[in-house]
Amino acid sequence: MPILVHRLAFELILDVANNKGLLQGKTIGVDASDLEANASMKSIVRRDTGDDWREYLCKLYAEETGDNDPTEEDLRRFDKTRKKRVSNQQWKSSTDDDARIGRMKDGRTHLKYKVENAVDLETELILAAEVYAGDQGDTLTVGDTVVAAQTNVAQVDADCEILEVVADKGYHSAASLDHLQHAAHVRTYIPEQRRTQRRKWQGKSAQVQQAYCRNKRNTRGARGRRLQRLRSERVERVFAHLLDTGGGRRTWLRGLDKVRKRYLMVAMAFNLGRVMRSLFGAGKPRHLAVLAERLRLLQILVQRLMAAWRSAHQVVTAMRRNKLTASVAVAA
């Protein structure tokens, strides 16, 4: 099915959440993480010639030594001693053209995609779940993610409007702040990275400088610090549910469109779990089964307590009856 069908299904679940009062939408937190692509680094080839890693090494070895028929041991020794660098401008995957070479969260170099969420900080509802190429920076994609969240909120006719965006320091740049404040019309709370030199404003407009100063004032305020704590708690928790415990860190599909469809389905399942939790107190079928089991155990405990109370009541009644009989006999 086309990506349009998946987006319509995502908006349908957002509409259900809105009807249950779960869509606040005033303040959103934006953060990104990595998806491990279904491609291996051993499958990369040169963009210009199409040579794989071994063919590329053979050409380098022949240029340096003049030997056109090296052994595997010669290639390993040569590759170990030389300086290596693999860039997306020179290399690509032979099995997945959309995957990009990059460093994962655990430090490994792998072919990957980048996912970015816009999360309602009040209810932890995902308002936008976007997938980008793995080599795109956070400052380049944050504007598209915020616009996607605003579009999704507008499509469900919610009585709210996105007014504030909270993100970490990786999203800070003068251009992105200017775009968010003047194009997306939102208030930004994005801390700045520690700098050793003063920022230079030569060649930049006064509007960009005003956006930078406005964001700096917002971030250093009491509300800005509170929103940053809330973002680090709730947005990161959403990624933990989707990618770690939910098993979405590794994708088994190839191509940007297919990965986007799959990640939208994962985000839909998460939002549906939020609706279930508001209705039944459980967000997953397994959790609901556990609650039902606990309710059954509570029922059994109450039944046993009632049976013990009846038994004790019968014993006390019998003792009183025997005592009364004995007193009547003594009196007679």
Protein backbone atom coordinates (compact mmCIF):
# COMPACT_ATOMS: atom_id res chain seq x y z
CA MET A 1 0.00 0.00 0.00
CA PRO A 2 1.25 3.54 -0.62
CA ILE A 3 2.64 5.73 2.14
CA LEU A 4 -0.51 7.88 1.96
CA VAL A 5 -2.60 5.02 3.37
CA HIS A 6 -0.22 4.65 6.33
CA ARG A 7 -0.35 8.38 7.04
CA LEU A 8 -4.16 8.33 6.94
CA ALA A 9 -4.17 5.44 9.42
CA PHE A 10 -1.79 7.38 11.66
CA GLU A 11 -4.13 10.39 11.56
CA LEU A 12 -7.12 8.12 12.31
CA ILE A 13 -5.54 6.90 15.55
CA LEU A 14 -4.61 10.49 16.42
CA ASP A 15 -8.27 11.40 15.94
CA VAL A 16 -9.30 8.61 18.32
CA ALA A 17 -6.77 9.85 20.88
CA ASN A 18 -8.08 13.38 20.45
CA ASN A 19 -11.64 12.21 21.14
CA LYS A 20 -10.40 10.62 24.38
CA GLY A 21 -8.75 13.88 25.48
CA LEU A 22 -5.17 12.67 25.00
CA LEU A 23 -4.12 15.27 22.44
CA GLN A 24 -2.93 18.47 24.13
CA GLY A 25 -0.43 19.57 21.51
CA LYS A 26 0.78 22.86 22.96
CA THR A 27 4.32 21.75 23.79
CA ILE A 28 6.17 19.05 21.85
CA GLY A 29 9.56 17.48 22.34
CA VAL A 30 11.67 16.57 19.30
CA ASP A 31 14.45 14.01 19.33
CA ALA A 32 16.12 11.59 16.92
CA SER A 33 17.65 8.13 17.03
CA ASP A 34 19.18 5.57 14.66
CA LEU A 35 17.75 2.55 12.87
CA GLU A 36 20.13 -0.19 11.82
CA ALA A 37 19.58 -0.77 8.10
CA ASN A 38 19.18 -4.21 6.57
CA ALA A 39 22.57 -3.96 4.87
CA SER A 40 26.11 -4.89 5.77
CA MET A 41 29.26 -2.82 5.55
CA LYS A 42 30.76 -5.70 3.57
CA SER A 43 28.31 -4.94 0.76
CA ILE A 44 29.42 -1.34 0.14
CA VAL A 45 30.74 -0.40 -3.33
CA ARG A 46 32.34 2.69 -4.85
CA ARG A 47 29.90 5.20 -6.28
CA ASP A 48 32.15 6.11 -9.19
CA THR A 49 33.40 2.70 -10.34
CA GLY A 50 31.16 0.16 -8.59
CA ASP A 51 34.18 -1.69 -7.16
CA ASP A 52 33.71 -3.56 -3.91
CA TRP A 53 36.16 -3.30 -1.00
CA ARG A 54 38.52 -6.02 -2.26
CA GLU A 55 38.70 -4.65 -5.79
CA TYR A 56 39.36 -1.18 -4.40
CA LEU A 57 42.15 -2.53 -2.20
CA CYS A 58 43.72 -4.39 -5.12
CA LYS A 59 43.90 -1.18 -7.15
CA LEU A 60 45.45 0.76 -4.26
CA TYR A 61 47.94 -2.05 -3.63
CA ALA A 62 48.90 -2.19 -7.31
CA GLU A 63 49.44 1.60 -7.42
CA GLU A 64 51.74 1.49 -4.40
CA THR A 65 53.69 -1.78 -4.95
CA GLY A 66 53.19 -2.57 -8.63
CA ASP A 67 51.90 -6.07 -7.79
CA ASN A 68 48.64 -6.77 -9.64
CA ASP A 69 48.03 -10.18 -8.05
CA PRO A 70 48.25 -9.78 -4.24
CA THR A 71 47.33 -12.52 -1.81
CA GLU A 72 44.72 -12.21 0.90
CA GLU A 73 47.47 -11.88 3.49
CA ASP A 74 49.07 -9.03 1.53
CA LEU A 75 45.74 -7.21 1.32
CA ARG A 76 45.03 -7.65 5.04
CA ARG A 77 48.48 -6.35 5.96
CA PHE A 78 48.14 -3.41 3.55
CA ASP A 79 44.64 -2.52 4.77
CA LYS A 80 45.73 -2.69 8.40
CA THR A 81 48.59 -0.22 8.04
CA ARG A 82 46.96 2.44 5.84
CA LYS A 83 44.64 5.22 6.94
CA LYS A 84 41.02 4.37 6.17
CA ARG A 85 37.99 6.59 5.78
CA VAL A 86 34.60 5.62 4.39
CA SER A 87 32.30 8.49 3.36
CA ASN A 88 28.82 8.54 1.90
CA GLN A 89 30.07 10.69 -0.98
CA GLN A 90 32.35 7.89 -2.19
CA TRP A 91 30.64 4.68 -0.99
CA LYS A 92 27.13 3.23 -1.04
CA SER A 93 25.42 -0.03 -0.22
CA SER A 94 24.95 -2.45 -3.10
CA THR A 95 21.72 -3.78 -1.55
CA ASP A 96 20.09 -0.61 -0.16
CA ASP A 97 20.76 2.67 -1.96
CA ASP A 98 18.95 4.76 0.68
CA ALA A 99 21.02 3.51 3.64
CA ARG A 100 23.85 5.75 4.80
CA ILE A 101 27.11 5.03 6.59
CA GLY A 102 27.23 6.44 10.11
CA ARG A 103 28.06 5.83 13.73
CA MET A 104 25.38 4.14 15.81
CA LYS A 105 24.52 5.00 19.40
CA ASP A 106 26.73 2.17 20.68
CA GLY A 107 29.77 3.41 18.72
CA ARG A 108 29.62 0.92 15.82
CA THR A 109 29.95 2.13 12.23
CA HIS A 110 27.00 0.75 10.29
CA LEU A 111 24.58 1.50 7.49
CA LYS A 112 21.62 3.24 9.08
CA TYR A 113 18.54 5.43 8.86
CA LYS A 114 17.54 8.30 11.11
CA VAL A 115 14.16 8.46 12.85
CA GLU A 116 12.78 11.60 14.46
CA ASN A 117 9.76 11.89 16.73
CA ALA A 118 7.63 14.84 17.78
CA VAL A 119 6.05 13.89 21.12
CA ASP A 120 3.34 15.66 23.10
CA LEU A 121 5.05 16.36 26.43
CA GLU A 122 1.75 16.32 28.32
CA THR A 123 0.48 12.91 27.22
CA GLU A 124 3.53 11.27 25.51
CA LEU A 125 1.50 10.89 22.32
CA ILE A 126 3.54 10.74 19.10
CA LEU A 127 2.41 13.56 16.81
CA ALA A 128 4.92 12.91 14.02
CA ALA A 129 7.17 9.93 13.25
CA GLU A 130 9.54 10.75 10.41
CA VAL A 131 12.39 8.78 8.84
CA TYR A 132 15.30 10.45 7.05
CA ALA A 133 18.59 9.43 5.51
CA GLY A 134 21.16 8.50 8.11
CA ASP A 135 23.60 11.29 7.22
CA GLN A 136 21.17 14.20 7.64
CA GLY A 137 21.87 16.44 10.63
CA ASP A 138 19.33 17.30 13.30
CA THR A 139 19.30 20.99 12.40
CA LEU A 140 18.29 20.14 8.82
CA THR A 141 15.32 17.90 9.69
CA VAL A 142 13.77 19.52 12.77
CA GLY A 143 11.76 22.00 10.69
CA ASP A 144 10.17 19.25 8.57
CA THR A 145 9.31 17.20 11.66
CA VAL A 146 7.63 20.15 13.39
CA VAL A 147 5.65 21.00 10.24
CA ALA A 148 4.57 17.35 9.96
CA ALA A 149 3.36 17.42 13.58
CA GLN A 150 1.44 20.65 12.95
CA THR A 151 -0.14 19.13 9.84
CA ASN A 152 -1.22 15.98 11.68
CA VAL A 153 -2.78 18.01 14.49
CA ALA A 154 -4.63 20.19 11.98
CA GLN A 155 -5.94 17.13 10.08
CA VAL A 156 -7.74 15.74 13.15
CA ASP A 157 -9.43 19.09 13.94
CA ALA A 158 -7.99 19.19 17.45
CA ASP A 159 -8.76 22.13 19.70
CA CYS A 160 -5.07 22.80 20.24
CA GLU A 161 -2.11 24.32 18.46
CA ILE A 162 1.61 23.57 18.68
CA LEU A 163 3.19 26.64 20.23
CA GLU A 164 6.42 25.39 21.83
CA VAL A 165 9.24 23.10 20.66
CA VAL A 166 11.74 21.56 23.07
CA ALA A 167 14.89 19.78 21.87
CA ASP A 168 18.44 19.03 22.98
CA LYS A 169 21.56 20.99 22.10
CA GLY A 170 22.18 18.97 18.93
CA TYR A 171 19.34 20.91 17.28
CA HIS A 172 20.81 24.33 18.04
CA SER A 173 21.81 26.51 15.11
CA ALA A 174 20.99 30.08 14.19
CA ALA A 175 19.33 29.03 10.92
CA SER A 176 17.11 26.37 12.52
CA LEU A 177 16.03 28.73 15.30
CA ASP A 178 15.11 31.39 12.76
CA HIS A 179 13.14 28.87 10.68
CA LEU A 180 11.21 27.48 13.66
CA GLN A 181 10.31 30.87 15.11
CA HIS A 182 9.40 32.72 11.91
CA ALA A 183 8.31 29.96 9.48
CA ALA A 184 6.75 27.43 11.86
CA HIS A 185 5.66 30.17 14.34
CA VAL A 186 6.66 28.31 17.51
CA ARG A 187 8.58 29.23 20.65
CA THR A 188 11.86 27.33 20.93
CA TYR A 189 13.60 25.88 24.00
CA ILE A 190 16.87 24.53 22.56
CA PRO A 191 20.02 24.86 24.69
CA GLU A 192 23.26 25.96 23.06
CA GLN A 193 26.41 23.91 23.01
CA ARG A 194 29.29 25.17 25.12
CA ARG A 195 31.42 27.57 23.11
CA THR A 196 34.99 28.71 23.69
CA GLN A 197 34.61 31.86 21.58
CA ARG A 198 31.94 34.49 21.19
CA ARG A 199 29.49 34.02 18.34
CA LYS A 200 30.13 36.22 15.30
CA TRP A 201 27.15 37.81 13.55
CA GLN A 202 28.86 39.20 10.46
CA GLY A 203 26.83 38.41 7.37
CA LYS A 204 23.70 37.40 9.30
CA SER A 205 20.49 39.38 9.48
CA ALA A 206 19.11 41.02 12.59
CA GLN A 207 16.16 38.61 12.49
CA VAL A 208 18.47 35.63 12.93
CA GLN A 209 20.21 37.31 15.85
CA GLN A 210 16.88 38.12 17.48
CA ALA A 211 15.77 34.50 17.13
CA TYR A 212 19.00 33.35 18.77
CA CYS A 213 18.65 35.78 21.70
CA ARG A 214 14.96 34.91 22.16
CA ASN A 215 15.73 31.19 22.34
CA LYS A 216 18.59 31.82 24.79
CA ARG A 217 16.28 33.77 27.08
CA ASN A 218 13.60 31.09 26.90
CA THR A 219 16.02 28.25 27.63
CA ARG A 220 17.61 29.88 30.67
CA GLY A 221 14.26 30.59 32.31
CA ALA A 222 12.58 28.43 34.92
CA ARG A 223 10.06 27.08 32.41
CA GLY A 224 12.80 26.22 29.96
CA ARG A 225 14.71 24.18 32.54
CA ARG A 226 11.53 22.36 33.57
CA LEU A 227 10.67 21.53 29.95
CA GLN A 228 14.17 20.18 29.35
CA ARG A 229 13.80 17.79 32.28
CA LEU A 230 10.40 16.74 30.97
CA ARG A 231 11.80 16.20 27.47
CA SER A 232 14.69 14.04 28.65
CA GLU A 233 12.24 11.90 30.62
CA ARG A 234 9.34 11.43 28.24
CA VAL A 235 10.79 11.65 24.74
CA GLU A 236 13.61 9.26 25.60
CA ARG A 237 11.09 6.91 27.18
CA VAL A 238 9.14 6.80 23.90
CA PHE A 239 12.29 5.73 22.05
CA ALA A 240 12.95 3.08 24.69
CA HIS A 241 9.49 1.60 24.10
CA LEU A 242 9.68 1.76 20.30
CA LEU A 243 13.28 0.77 19.58
CA ASP A 244 14.63 -1.14 22.58
CA THR A 245 11.83 -3.09 24.25
CA GLY A 246 9.69 -2.90 21.10
CA GLY A 247 12.43 -4.32 18.89
CA GLY A 248 12.32 -1.54 16.32
CA ARG A 249 16.03 -0.71 16.38
CA ARG A 250 16.79 -3.15 13.54
CA THR A 251 14.79 -2.89 10.33
CA TRP A 252 14.43 -5.87 7.99
CA LEU A 253 13.21 -3.83 5.03
CA ARG A 254 15.14 -1.95 2.38
CA GLY A 255 14.38 1.44 0.91
CA LEU A 256 13.37 4.70 2.57
CA ASP A 257 9.67 4.39 1.70
CA LYS A 258 9.34 0.89 3.18
CA VAL A 259 11.19 1.89 6.35
CA ARG A 260 8.90 4.90 6.72
CA LYS A 261 5.82 2.70 6.42
CA ARG A 262 7.09 0.27 9.03
CA TYR A 263 8.04 3.00 11.49
CA LEU A 264 4.65 4.68 11.07
CA MET A 265 3.01 1.37 11.99
CA VAL A 266 5.20 1.13 15.11
CA ALA A 267 4.22 4.70 16.09
CA MET A 268 0.54 3.87 15.46
CA ALA A 269 0.80 0.88 17.78
CA PHE A 270 2.35 3.07 20.48
CA ASN A 271 -0.42 5.68 20.22
CA LEU A 272 -3.06 2.96 20.27
CA GLY A 273 -1.45 1.65 23.44
CA ARG A 274 -1.82 5.10 25.01
CA VAL A 275 -5.55 5.04 24.17
CA MET A 276 -5.93 1.53 25.63
CA ARG A 277 -4.13 2.57 28.80
CA SER A 278 -6.50 5.50 29.27
CA LEU A 279 -9.54 3.21 28.81
CA PHE A 280 -8.52 -0.02 30.57
CA GLY A 281 -5.44 0.90 32.59
CA ALA A 282 -3.27 -1.31 30.34
CA GLY A 283 -1.55 -0.39 27.11
CA LYS A 284 -0.71 -3.88 25.85
CA PRO A 285 -2.70 -7.14 25.60
CA ARG A 286 -0.15 -8.91 27.79
CA HIS A 287 -0.45 -6.21 30.43
CA LEU A 288 -4.24 -6.48 30.22
CA ALA A 289 -3.97 -10.24 30.80
CA VAL A 290 -1.80 -9.60 33.85
CA LEU A 291 -4.39 -7.17 35.22
CA ALA A 292 -7.12 -9.75 34.67
CA GLU A 293 -5.04 -12.35 36.50
CA ARG A 294 -4.50 -9.98 39.41
CA LEU A 295 -8.23 -9.25 39.53
CA ARG A 296 -8.93 -13.00 39.67
CA LEU A 297 -6.41 -13.46 42.50
CA LEU A 298 -8.04 -10.58 44.37
CA GLN A 299 -11.43 -12.22 43.91
CA ILE A 300 -10.12 -15.55 45.27
CA LEU A 301 -8.57 -13.76 48.25
CA VAL A 302 -11.85 -11.99 49.03
CA GLN A 303 -13.75 -15.28 48.79
CA ARG A 304 -11.34 -16.97 51.19
CA LEU A 305 -11.56 -14.08 53.63
CA MET A 306 -15.37 -14.24 53.51
CA ALA A 307 -15.28 -18.01 54.09
CA ALA A 308 -12.92 -17.58 57.05
CA TRP A 309 -15.18 -14.86 58.47
CA ARG A 310 -18.24 -17.11 58.17
CA SER A 311 -16.41 -19.97 59.84
CA ALA A 312 -15.28 -17.74 62.71
CA HIS A 313 -18.80 -16.33 63.03
CA GLN A 314 -20.24 -19.84 63.29
CA VAL A 315 -17.72 -20.78 66.00
CA VAL A 316 -18.51 -17.67 68.05
CA THR A 317 -22.25 -18.27 67.67
CA ALA A 318 -21.87 -21.88 68.81
CA MET A 319 -19.79 -20.82 71.83
CA ARG A 320 -22.40 -18.29 72.84
CA ARG A 321 -25.18 -20.85 72.45
CA ASN A 322 -23.28 -23.41 74.58
CA LYS A 323 -22.55 -20.81 77.24
CA LEU A 324 -26.22 -19.84 77.39
CA THR A 325 -27.27 -23.49 77.71
CA ALA A 326 -24.79 -24.08 80.53
CA SER A 327 -26.00 -21.03 82.47
CA VAL A 328 -29.63 -22.19 82.17
CA ALA A 329 -28.70 -25.63 83.47
CA VAL A 330 -26.90 -24.14 86.48
CA ALA A 331 -29.85 -21.97 87.31
CA ALA A 332 -32.21 -24.94 87.15
